[in-house]
Amino acid sequence: MAISLYDVSIGSYLQTLDALSGVLDKGLAHFREHDIDPETIVETRLFPDMLPFRFQVMQVAFHATATIAALKSGSMSPPGARPSPDYAGLQALIAEARATLRAETPEAINARDGAEITFTTKDSTRIFTTGDFVLTFSLPNVHFHATTAYDILRQAGVPLGKRDFMGAVRTKG
């Protein structure tokens, strides 16, 4: 099976971002229907030592867009200080990430297949190939944070199912 770097990165990120956009929309509809202020969910955590809903959604957008930038530049670091968006701001952040990824071309991404990405934190530096970075670091992070955001909404009573989480799967034809 051959799969391009574009398909494994852009295709996978867009599937998750599109699904998360739908999940956020369903969450907002649920909150409105039940007269719940959506801002109450923004700081909700699954467990006290976990980061809140806001962070989870922000990380999905960050990993998707920063990884694509890293595929082209060869380097990535964790995000610095960022604003703290409200629920509508989180929806806008996901919409912006989707638009950013849709603007990429297969040629630009696939041209970097096999190149190196250096991921640097304050404590370490790791060097990956582009494919390994996407498959073993970035996609697991995107899925972890998307799952956690989904779980927080489910815990709040939003009627979501696996199809909402998965979004539109890629099929033949």
N, C-alpha and C. Protein backbone atom coordinates (compact mmCIF):
# COMPACT_ATOMS: atom_id res chain seq x y z
N MET A 1 0.85 -1.17 0.00
CA MET A 1 0.00 0.00 0.00
C MET A 1 0.90 1.23 0.00
N ALA A 2 0.66 2.08 -0.94
CA ALA A 2 1.40 3.35 -0.98
C ALA A 2 0.43 4.47 -0.62
N ILE A 3 0.88 5.32 0.28
CA ILE A 3 0.07 6.48 0.65
C ILE A 3 1.01 7.68 0.69
N SER A 4 0.55 8.77 0.16
CA SER A 4 1.41 9.95 0.09
C SER A 4 1.46 10.68 1.42
N LEU A 5 2.51 11.46 1.60
CA LEU A 5 2.64 12.28 2.79
C LEU A 5 1.47 13.25 2.89
N TYR A 6 1.03 13.77 1.76
CA TYR A 6 -0.12 14.68 1.74
C TYR A 6 -1.37 13.98 2.28
N ASP A 7 -1.63 12.78 1.79
CA ASP A 7 -2.84 12.06 2.22
C ASP A 7 -2.79 11.68 3.70
N VAL A 8 -1.63 11.23 4.17
CA VAL A 8 -1.54 10.81 5.56
C VAL A 8 -1.57 12.01 6.51
N SER A 9 -1.11 13.16 6.05
CA SER A 9 -1.12 14.35 6.91
C SER A 9 -2.37 15.19 6.66
N ILE A 10 -2.41 15.89 5.55
CA ILE A 10 -3.54 16.79 5.26
C ILE A 10 -4.86 16.02 5.30
N GLY A 11 -4.91 14.87 4.64
CA GLY A 11 -6.15 14.09 4.61
C GLY A 11 -6.62 13.69 6.00
N SER A 12 -5.69 13.24 6.82
CA SER A 12 -6.04 12.80 8.18
C SER A 12 -6.40 13.98 9.08
N TYR A 13 -5.62 15.05 8.99
CA TYR A 13 -5.93 16.23 9.81
C TYR A 13 -7.29 16.81 9.44
N LEU A 14 -7.56 16.90 8.14
CA LEU A 14 -8.85 17.46 7.73
C LEU A 14 -10.01 16.58 8.18
N GLN A 15 -9.85 15.28 8.13
CA GLN A 15 -10.92 14.40 8.62
C GLN A 15 -11.22 14.72 10.09
N THR A 16 -10.17 14.85 10.89
CA THR A 16 -10.36 15.12 12.32
C THR A 16 -10.87 16.54 12.56
N LEU A 17 -10.31 17.52 11.86
CA LEU A 17 -10.76 18.90 12.03
C LEU A 17 -12.21 19.08 11.59
N ASP A 18 -12.57 18.47 10.46
CA ASP A 18 -13.96 18.55 9.99
C ASP A 18 -14.90 17.90 11.00
N ALA A 19 -14.50 16.74 11.52
CA ALA A 19 -15.33 16.06 12.51
C ALA A 19 -15.44 16.89 13.79
N LEU A 20 -14.32 17.45 14.24
CA LEU A 20 -14.35 18.26 15.46
C LEU A 20 -15.21 19.50 15.27
N SER A 21 -15.19 20.07 14.09
CA SER A 21 -16.06 21.21 13.80
C SER A 21 -17.53 20.81 13.98
N GLY A 22 -17.89 19.66 13.46
CA GLY A 22 -19.26 19.16 13.62
C GLY A 22 -19.60 18.87 15.07
N VAL A 23 -18.64 18.31 15.80
CA VAL A 23 -18.84 18.02 17.22
C VAL A 23 -19.06 19.32 18.00
N LEU A 24 -18.27 20.34 17.70
CA LEU A 24 -18.44 21.64 18.36
C LEU A 24 -19.80 22.25 18.03
N ASP A 25 -20.22 22.12 16.77
CA ASP A 25 -21.53 22.63 16.38
C ASP A 25 -22.65 21.91 17.13
N LYS A 26 -22.54 20.58 17.23
CA LYS A 26 -23.54 19.82 17.97
C LYS A 26 -23.54 20.21 19.45
N GLY A 27 -22.36 20.45 19.98
CA GLY A 27 -22.27 20.89 21.36
C GLY A 27 -22.99 22.21 21.57
N LEU A 28 -22.76 23.16 20.68
CA LEU A 28 -23.40 24.46 20.79
C LEU A 28 -24.92 24.33 20.68
N ALA A 29 -25.38 23.52 19.73
CA ALA A 29 -26.83 23.31 19.58
C ALA A 29 -27.42 22.70 20.86
N HIS A 30 -26.73 21.74 21.44
CA HIS A 30 -27.20 21.12 22.68
C HIS A 30 -27.27 22.15 23.81
N PHE A 31 -26.24 22.94 23.93
CA PHE A 31 -26.22 23.95 25.00
C PHE A 31 -27.35 24.95 24.82
N ARG A 32 -27.58 25.38 23.60
CA ARG A 32 -28.67 26.33 23.35
C ARG A 32 -30.03 25.70 23.66
N GLU A 33 -30.21 24.45 23.22
CA GLU A 33 -31.47 23.75 23.44
C GLU A 33 -31.77 23.59 24.93
N HIS A 34 -30.74 23.42 25.72
CA HIS A 34 -30.91 23.19 27.16
C HIS A 34 -30.60 24.42 28.00
N ASP A 35 -30.52 25.56 27.34
CA ASP A 35 -30.28 26.84 28.03
C ASP A 35 -29.03 26.78 28.93
N ILE A 36 -27.95 26.26 28.34
CA ILE A 36 -26.67 26.16 29.04
C ILE A 36 -25.70 27.13 28.37
N ASP A 37 -25.02 27.90 29.16
CA ASP A 37 -24.01 28.82 28.61
C ASP A 37 -22.83 27.99 28.11
N PRO A 38 -22.50 28.05 26.81
CA PRO A 38 -21.39 27.23 26.29
C PRO A 38 -20.04 27.57 26.94
N GLU A 39 -19.95 28.74 27.54
CA GLU A 39 -18.68 29.10 28.19
C GLU A 39 -18.40 28.24 29.41
N THR A 40 -19.44 27.59 29.95
CA THR A 40 -19.22 26.73 31.12
C THR A 40 -18.37 25.51 30.76
N ILE A 41 -18.39 25.11 29.49
CA ILE A 41 -17.65 23.92 29.08
C ILE A 41 -16.18 24.23 28.81
N VAL A 42 -15.87 25.48 28.50
CA VAL A 42 -14.54 25.85 28.04
C VAL A 42 -13.44 25.50 29.05
N GLU A 43 -13.74 25.60 30.32
CA GLU A 43 -12.74 25.28 31.35
C GLU A 43 -12.98 23.90 31.99
N THR A 44 -13.89 23.12 31.44
CA THR A 44 -14.18 21.80 31.99
C THR A 44 -13.03 20.84 31.71
N ARG A 45 -12.75 20.00 32.69
CA ARG A 45 -11.70 18.99 32.60
C ARG A 45 -12.31 17.62 32.87
N LEU A 46 -11.74 16.58 32.29
CA LEU A 46 -12.18 15.23 32.61
C LEU A 46 -11.74 14.83 34.01
N PHE A 47 -10.59 15.33 34.41
CA PHE A 47 -10.03 15.02 35.72
C PHE A 47 -9.20 16.23 36.14
N PRO A 48 -9.12 16.52 37.43
CA PRO A 48 -8.46 17.75 37.86
C PRO A 48 -7.04 17.98 37.32
N ASP A 49 -6.28 16.89 37.10
CA ASP A 49 -4.91 17.10 36.63
C ASP A 49 -4.79 17.14 35.10
N MET A 50 -5.93 17.13 34.41
CA MET A 50 -5.92 17.23 32.95
C MET A 50 -6.20 18.68 32.54
N LEU A 51 -5.74 19.03 31.36
CA LEU A 51 -6.00 20.38 30.86
C LEU A 51 -7.43 20.49 30.34
N PRO A 52 -7.98 21.71 30.32
CA PRO A 52 -9.40 21.89 30.01
C PRO A 52 -9.74 21.76 28.53
N PHE A 53 -11.04 21.74 28.28
CA PHE A 53 -11.61 21.65 26.95
C PHE A 53 -10.95 22.64 25.99
N ARG A 54 -10.82 23.89 26.41
CA ARG A 54 -10.21 24.92 25.56
C ARG A 54 -8.85 24.45 25.04
N PHE A 55 -8.01 23.96 25.94
CA PHE A 55 -6.68 23.51 25.56
C PHE A 55 -6.76 22.35 24.57
N GLN A 56 -7.66 21.42 24.81
CA GLN A 56 -7.78 20.25 23.93
C GLN A 56 -8.08 20.68 22.49
N VAL A 57 -9.04 21.57 22.33
CA VAL A 57 -9.42 22.03 20.99
C VAL A 57 -8.27 22.82 20.37
N MET A 58 -7.65 23.67 21.15
CA MET A 58 -6.53 24.47 20.64
C MET A 58 -5.38 23.57 20.17
N GLN A 59 -5.12 22.49 20.88
CA GLN A 59 -4.04 21.59 20.50
C GLN A 59 -4.32 20.85 19.20
N VAL A 60 -5.57 20.51 18.95
CA VAL A 60 -5.90 19.88 17.67
C VAL A 60 -5.53 20.82 16.53
N ALA A 61 -5.97 22.07 16.63
CA ALA A 61 -5.66 23.06 15.59
C ALA A 61 -4.15 23.29 15.49
N PHE A 62 -3.49 23.41 16.64
CA PHE A 62 -2.05 23.66 16.64
C PHE A 62 -1.30 22.52 15.96
N HIS A 63 -1.53 21.30 16.39
CA HIS A 63 -0.77 20.18 15.83
C HIS A 63 -1.00 20.03 14.33
N ALA A 64 -2.22 20.21 13.89
CA ALA A 64 -2.49 20.07 12.45
C ALA A 64 -1.76 21.15 11.65
N THR A 65 -1.90 22.39 12.05
CA THR A 65 -1.31 23.48 11.26
C THR A 65 0.20 23.59 11.47
N ALA A 66 0.67 23.42 12.69
CA ALA A 66 2.11 23.53 12.95
C ALA A 66 2.87 22.38 12.30
N THR A 67 2.27 21.21 12.24
CA THR A 67 2.94 20.10 11.58
C THR A 67 3.10 20.37 10.09
N ILE A 68 2.06 20.91 9.47
CA ILE A 68 2.17 21.21 8.04
C ILE A 68 3.25 22.27 7.82
N ALA A 69 3.30 23.27 8.68
CA ALA A 69 4.37 24.27 8.58
C ALA A 69 5.74 23.61 8.77
N ALA A 70 5.81 22.66 9.71
CA ALA A 70 7.08 21.96 9.97
C ALA A 70 7.48 21.06 8.82
N LEU A 71 6.51 20.47 8.14
CA LEU A 71 6.84 19.66 6.97
C LEU A 71 7.59 20.51 5.95
N LYS A 72 7.23 21.77 5.86
CA LYS A 72 7.85 22.67 4.88
C LYS A 72 9.13 23.31 5.41
N SER A 73 9.17 23.62 6.71
CA SER A 73 10.33 24.34 7.25
C SER A 73 11.40 23.42 7.83
N GLY A 74 10.99 22.23 8.26
CA GLY A 74 11.93 21.30 8.87
C GLY A 74 12.08 21.43 10.37
N SER A 75 11.27 22.30 11.01
CA SER A 75 11.38 22.41 12.46
C SER A 75 10.04 22.77 13.09
N MET A 76 9.91 22.35 14.37
CA MET A 76 8.69 22.64 15.12
C MET A 76 9.02 22.65 16.60
N SER A 77 8.31 23.48 17.32
CA SER A 77 8.41 23.55 18.78
C SER A 77 7.01 23.65 19.35
N PRO A 78 6.84 23.36 20.64
CA PRO A 78 5.53 23.55 21.26
C PRO A 78 5.10 25.02 21.15
N PRO A 79 3.80 25.26 21.22
CA PRO A 79 3.34 26.65 21.11
C PRO A 79 3.74 27.47 22.32
N GLY A 80 3.90 28.75 22.10
CA GLY A 80 4.15 29.67 23.21
C GLY A 80 2.82 30.11 23.80
N ALA A 81 2.85 31.24 24.47
CA ALA A 81 1.62 31.79 25.05
C ALA A 81 0.62 32.10 23.94
N ARG A 82 -0.61 31.77 24.20
CA ARG A 82 -1.68 32.00 23.22
C ARG A 82 -2.86 32.63 23.91
N PRO A 83 -3.73 33.29 23.12
CA PRO A 83 -4.96 33.81 23.71
C PRO A 83 -5.82 32.67 24.24
N SER A 84 -6.80 33.00 25.05
CA SER A 84 -7.73 32.01 25.60
C SER A 84 -9.10 32.23 24.98
N PRO A 85 -9.37 31.61 23.84
CA PRO A 85 -10.64 31.87 23.15
C PRO A 85 -11.84 31.30 23.90
N ASP A 86 -12.98 31.93 23.67
CA ASP A 86 -14.24 31.41 24.18
C ASP A 86 -14.72 30.31 23.23
N TYR A 87 -15.92 29.79 23.46
CA TYR A 87 -16.43 28.69 22.64
C TYR A 87 -16.48 29.08 21.17
N ALA A 88 -17.01 30.26 20.88
CA ALA A 88 -17.07 30.73 19.49
C ALA A 88 -15.67 30.90 18.92
N GLY A 89 -14.75 31.34 19.74
CA GLY A 89 -13.37 31.47 19.29
C GLY A 89 -12.73 30.13 18.97
N LEU A 90 -13.09 29.10 19.72
CA LEU A 90 -12.60 27.75 19.43
C LEU A 90 -13.14 27.26 18.09
N GLN A 91 -14.43 27.54 17.84
CA GLN A 91 -15.01 27.17 16.55
C GLN A 91 -14.28 27.89 15.42
N ALA A 92 -13.98 29.16 15.62
CA ALA A 92 -13.27 29.94 14.60
C ALA A 92 -11.85 29.41 14.40
N LEU A 93 -11.19 29.00 15.47
CA LEU A 93 -9.84 28.45 15.38
C LEU A 93 -9.83 27.18 14.54
N ILE A 94 -10.81 26.32 14.74
CA ILE A 94 -10.90 25.09 13.95
C ILE A 94 -11.20 25.43 12.49
N ALA A 95 -12.09 26.38 12.25
CA ALA A 95 -12.40 26.80 10.87
C ALA A 95 -11.16 27.35 10.18
N GLU A 96 -10.38 28.13 10.90
CA GLU A 96 -9.15 28.70 10.34
C GLU A 96 -8.14 27.59 10.01
N ALA A 97 -8.01 26.62 10.89
CA ALA A 97 -7.09 25.50 10.64
C ALA A 97 -7.53 24.72 9.41
N ARG A 98 -8.82 24.50 9.28
CA ARG A 98 -9.34 23.78 8.11
C ARG A 98 -9.00 24.54 6.83
N ALA A 99 -9.20 25.84 6.84
CA ALA A 99 -8.91 26.66 5.66
C ALA A 99 -7.41 26.64 5.34
N THR A 100 -6.58 26.72 6.36
CA THR A 100 -5.14 26.69 6.16
C THR A 100 -4.72 25.39 5.49
N LEU A 101 -5.23 24.27 5.96
CA LEU A 101 -4.86 22.98 5.38
C LEU A 101 -5.41 22.81 3.97
N ARG A 102 -6.60 23.30 3.73
CA ARG A 102 -7.18 23.17 2.39
C ARG A 102 -6.40 23.98 1.35
N ALA A 103 -5.65 24.97 1.78
CA ALA A 103 -4.86 25.79 0.86
C ALA A 103 -3.56 25.10 0.43
N GLU A 104 -3.19 24.02 1.09
CA GLU A 104 -1.95 23.31 0.75
C GLU A 104 -2.15 22.44 -0.49
N THR A 105 -1.06 22.23 -1.21
CA THR A 105 -1.13 21.39 -2.41
C THR A 105 -0.39 20.07 -2.17
N PRO A 106 -0.84 19.01 -2.82
CA PRO A 106 -0.12 17.75 -2.69
C PRO A 106 1.35 17.88 -3.10
N GLU A 107 1.62 18.64 -4.13
CA GLU A 107 3.00 18.78 -4.61
C GLU A 107 3.91 19.38 -3.54
N ALA A 108 3.44 20.42 -2.87
CA ALA A 108 4.27 21.08 -1.86
C ALA A 108 4.55 20.16 -0.67
N ILE A 109 3.56 19.41 -0.25
CA ILE A 109 3.74 18.52 0.90
C ILE A 109 4.54 17.29 0.50
N ASN A 110 4.18 16.66 -0.60
CA ASN A 110 4.86 15.43 -1.02
C ASN A 110 6.33 15.66 -1.37
N ALA A 111 6.69 16.87 -1.74
CA ALA A 111 8.08 17.19 -2.05
C ALA A 111 8.97 17.04 -0.82
N ARG A 112 8.40 17.05 0.36
CA ARG A 112 9.16 16.95 1.60
C ARG A 112 9.18 15.53 2.18
N ASP A 113 8.61 14.57 1.46
CA ASP A 113 8.58 13.19 1.94
C ASP A 113 10.00 12.70 2.20
N GLY A 114 10.25 12.19 3.39
CA GLY A 114 11.55 11.67 3.77
C GLY A 114 12.52 12.70 4.32
N ALA A 115 12.16 13.97 4.26
CA ALA A 115 13.03 15.02 4.82
C ALA A 115 13.01 14.94 6.35
N GLU A 116 13.87 15.71 6.98
CA GLU A 116 13.94 15.72 8.44
C GLU A 116 13.11 16.84 9.04
N ILE A 117 12.57 16.56 10.23
CA ILE A 117 11.94 17.57 11.06
C ILE A 117 12.62 17.50 12.42
N THR A 118 13.05 18.64 12.90
CA THR A 118 13.63 18.73 14.24
C THR A 118 12.57 19.32 15.16
N PHE A 119 12.22 18.55 16.19
CA PHE A 119 11.25 19.01 17.18
C PHE A 119 12.02 19.38 18.44
N THR A 120 11.92 20.64 18.84
CA THR A 120 12.71 21.15 19.95
C THR A 120 11.80 21.65 21.06
N THR A 121 12.07 21.17 22.28
CA THR A 121 11.42 21.69 23.48
C THR A 121 12.51 22.31 24.35
N LYS A 122 12.11 22.86 25.48
CA LYS A 122 13.13 23.45 26.37
C LYS A 122 14.06 22.39 26.92
N ASP A 123 13.61 21.12 26.93
CA ASP A 123 14.41 20.04 27.52
C ASP A 123 15.07 19.09 26.53
N SER A 124 14.62 19.10 25.28
CA SER A 124 15.15 18.10 24.36
C SER A 124 14.99 18.51 22.90
N THR A 125 15.74 17.80 22.07
CA THR A 125 15.62 17.94 20.63
C THR A 125 15.49 16.54 20.06
N ARG A 126 14.50 16.36 19.20
CA ARG A 126 14.30 15.07 18.55
C ARG A 126 14.28 15.29 17.05
N ILE A 127 14.91 14.38 16.33
CA ILE A 127 14.93 14.48 14.87
C ILE A 127 14.13 13.31 14.31
N PHE A 128 13.19 13.63 13.43
CA PHE A 128 12.31 12.66 12.80
C PHE A 128 12.43 12.78 11.28
N THR A 129 11.99 11.75 10.57
CA THR A 129 11.66 11.94 9.16
C THR A 129 10.25 12.52 9.13
N THR A 130 9.89 13.13 8.02
CA THR A 130 8.56 13.74 7.95
C THR A 130 7.46 12.70 8.17
N GLY A 131 7.60 11.55 7.56
CA GLY A 131 6.59 10.50 7.73
C GLY A 131 6.49 10.02 9.15
N ASP A 132 7.64 9.77 9.79
CA ASP A 132 7.63 9.32 11.18
C ASP A 132 7.06 10.39 12.10
N PHE A 133 7.36 11.65 11.84
CA PHE A 133 6.83 12.72 12.67
C PHE A 133 5.31 12.74 12.61
N VAL A 134 4.77 12.67 11.40
CA VAL A 134 3.31 12.68 11.25
C VAL A 134 2.70 11.45 11.91
N LEU A 135 3.21 10.27 11.57
CA LEU A 135 2.58 9.02 12.02
C LEU A 135 2.78 8.70 13.49
N THR A 136 3.94 9.03 14.05
CA THR A 136 4.22 8.59 15.42
C THR A 136 4.13 9.69 16.47
N PHE A 137 4.06 10.93 16.04
CA PHE A 137 4.00 12.03 17.00
C PHE A 137 2.79 12.93 16.79
N SER A 138 2.65 13.47 15.62
CA SER A 138 1.61 14.48 15.40
C SER A 138 0.20 13.88 15.37
N LEU A 139 -0.01 12.86 14.55
CA LEU A 139 -1.36 12.26 14.50
C LEU A 139 -1.81 11.72 15.85
N PRO A 140 -0.96 11.00 16.61
CA PRO A 140 -1.41 10.58 17.93
C PRO A 140 -1.80 11.76 18.83
N ASN A 141 -1.06 12.86 18.75
CA ASN A 141 -1.43 14.05 19.52
C ASN A 141 -2.77 14.61 19.08
N VAL A 142 -2.98 14.73 17.78
CA VAL A 142 -4.25 15.24 17.26
C VAL A 142 -5.40 14.36 17.74
N HIS A 143 -5.23 13.05 17.62
CA HIS A 143 -6.30 12.14 18.01
C HIS A 143 -6.54 12.16 19.53
N PHE A 144 -5.49 12.25 20.31
CA PHE A 144 -5.64 12.33 21.76
C PHE A 144 -6.46 13.55 22.16
N HIS A 145 -6.08 14.70 21.64
CA HIS A 145 -6.76 15.94 22.03
C HIS A 145 -8.18 16.01 21.47
N ALA A 146 -8.39 15.50 20.26
CA ALA A 146 -9.75 15.46 19.70
C ALA A 146 -10.63 14.53 20.53
N THR A 147 -10.09 13.39 20.92
CA THR A 147 -10.83 12.44 21.75
C THR A 147 -11.19 13.06 23.10
N THR A 148 -10.25 13.75 23.70
CA THR A 148 -10.50 14.36 25.00
C THR A 148 -11.56 15.45 24.90
N ALA A 149 -11.51 16.27 23.85
CA ALA A 149 -12.55 17.30 23.65
C ALA A 149 -13.91 16.64 23.46
N TYR A 150 -13.96 15.59 22.65
CA TYR A 150 -15.19 14.83 22.43
C TYR A 150 -15.72 14.28 23.76
N ASP A 151 -14.83 13.68 24.54
CA ASP A 151 -15.24 13.09 25.82
C ASP A 151 -15.79 14.13 26.79
N ILE A 152 -15.21 15.31 26.81
CA ILE A 152 -15.71 16.37 27.69
C ILE A 152 -17.12 16.77 27.28
N LEU A 153 -17.36 16.88 25.98
CA LEU A 153 -18.72 17.20 25.51
C LEU A 153 -19.70 16.07 25.83
N ARG A 154 -19.27 14.83 25.66
CA ARG A 154 -20.14 13.69 26.00
C ARG A 154 -20.47 13.72 27.48
N GLN A 155 -19.47 13.98 28.30
CA GLN A 155 -19.68 14.05 29.75
C GLN A 155 -20.67 15.15 30.11
N ALA A 156 -20.73 16.20 29.28
CA ALA A 156 -21.66 17.31 29.50
C ALA A 156 -23.05 17.01 28.94
N GLY A 157 -23.23 15.81 28.39
CA GLY A 157 -24.55 15.41 27.91
C GLY A 157 -24.82 15.65 26.44
N VAL A 158 -23.82 16.11 25.70
CA VAL A 158 -24.02 16.35 24.27
C VAL A 158 -24.21 14.99 23.58
N PRO A 159 -25.30 14.84 22.79
CA PRO A 159 -25.58 13.56 22.15
C PRO A 159 -24.68 13.32 20.93
N LEU A 160 -23.55 12.73 21.18
CA LEU A 160 -22.57 12.43 20.14
C LEU A 160 -22.34 10.93 20.06
N GLY A 161 -21.93 10.48 18.89
CA GLY A 161 -21.60 9.08 18.71
C GLY A 161 -20.28 8.93 17.96
N LYS A 162 -19.90 7.69 17.72
CA LYS A 162 -18.64 7.41 17.05
C LYS A 162 -18.58 8.04 15.66
N ARG A 163 -19.69 8.04 14.95
CA ARG A 163 -19.70 8.66 13.61
C ARG A 163 -19.39 10.15 13.68
N ASP A 164 -19.86 10.81 14.73
CA ASP A 164 -19.53 12.23 14.91
C ASP A 164 -18.02 12.39 15.09
N PHE A 165 -17.42 11.53 15.88
CA PHE A 165 -15.99 11.61 16.14
C PHE A 165 -15.18 11.31 14.88
N MET A 166 -15.57 10.27 14.16
CA MET A 166 -14.81 9.84 12.99
C MET A 166 -14.93 10.80 11.81
N GLY A 167 -16.09 11.41 11.65
CA GLY A 167 -16.27 12.29 10.51
C GLY A 167 -16.39 11.49 9.22
N ALA A 168 -16.12 12.15 8.12
CA ALA A 168 -16.24 11.53 6.79
C ALA A 168 -15.00 10.69 6.51
N VAL A 169 -15.19 9.39 6.42
CA VAL A 169 -14.07 8.51 6.11
C VAL A 169 -13.81 8.53 4.60
N ARG A 170 -12.57 8.27 4.24
CA ARG A 170 -12.20 8.24 2.82
C ARG A 170 -12.48 6.85 2.26
N THR A 171 -13.27 6.81 1.22
CA THR A 171 -13.62 5.54 0.60
C THR A 171 -13.24 5.54 -0.87
N LYS A 172 -13.17 4.37 -1.44
CA LYS A 172 -12.86 4.25 -2.86
C LYS A 172 -14.03 4.79 -3.67
N GLY A 173 -13.70 5.58 -4.67
CA GLY A 173 -14.74 6.06 -5.59
C GLY A 173 -15.33 7.29 -5.16
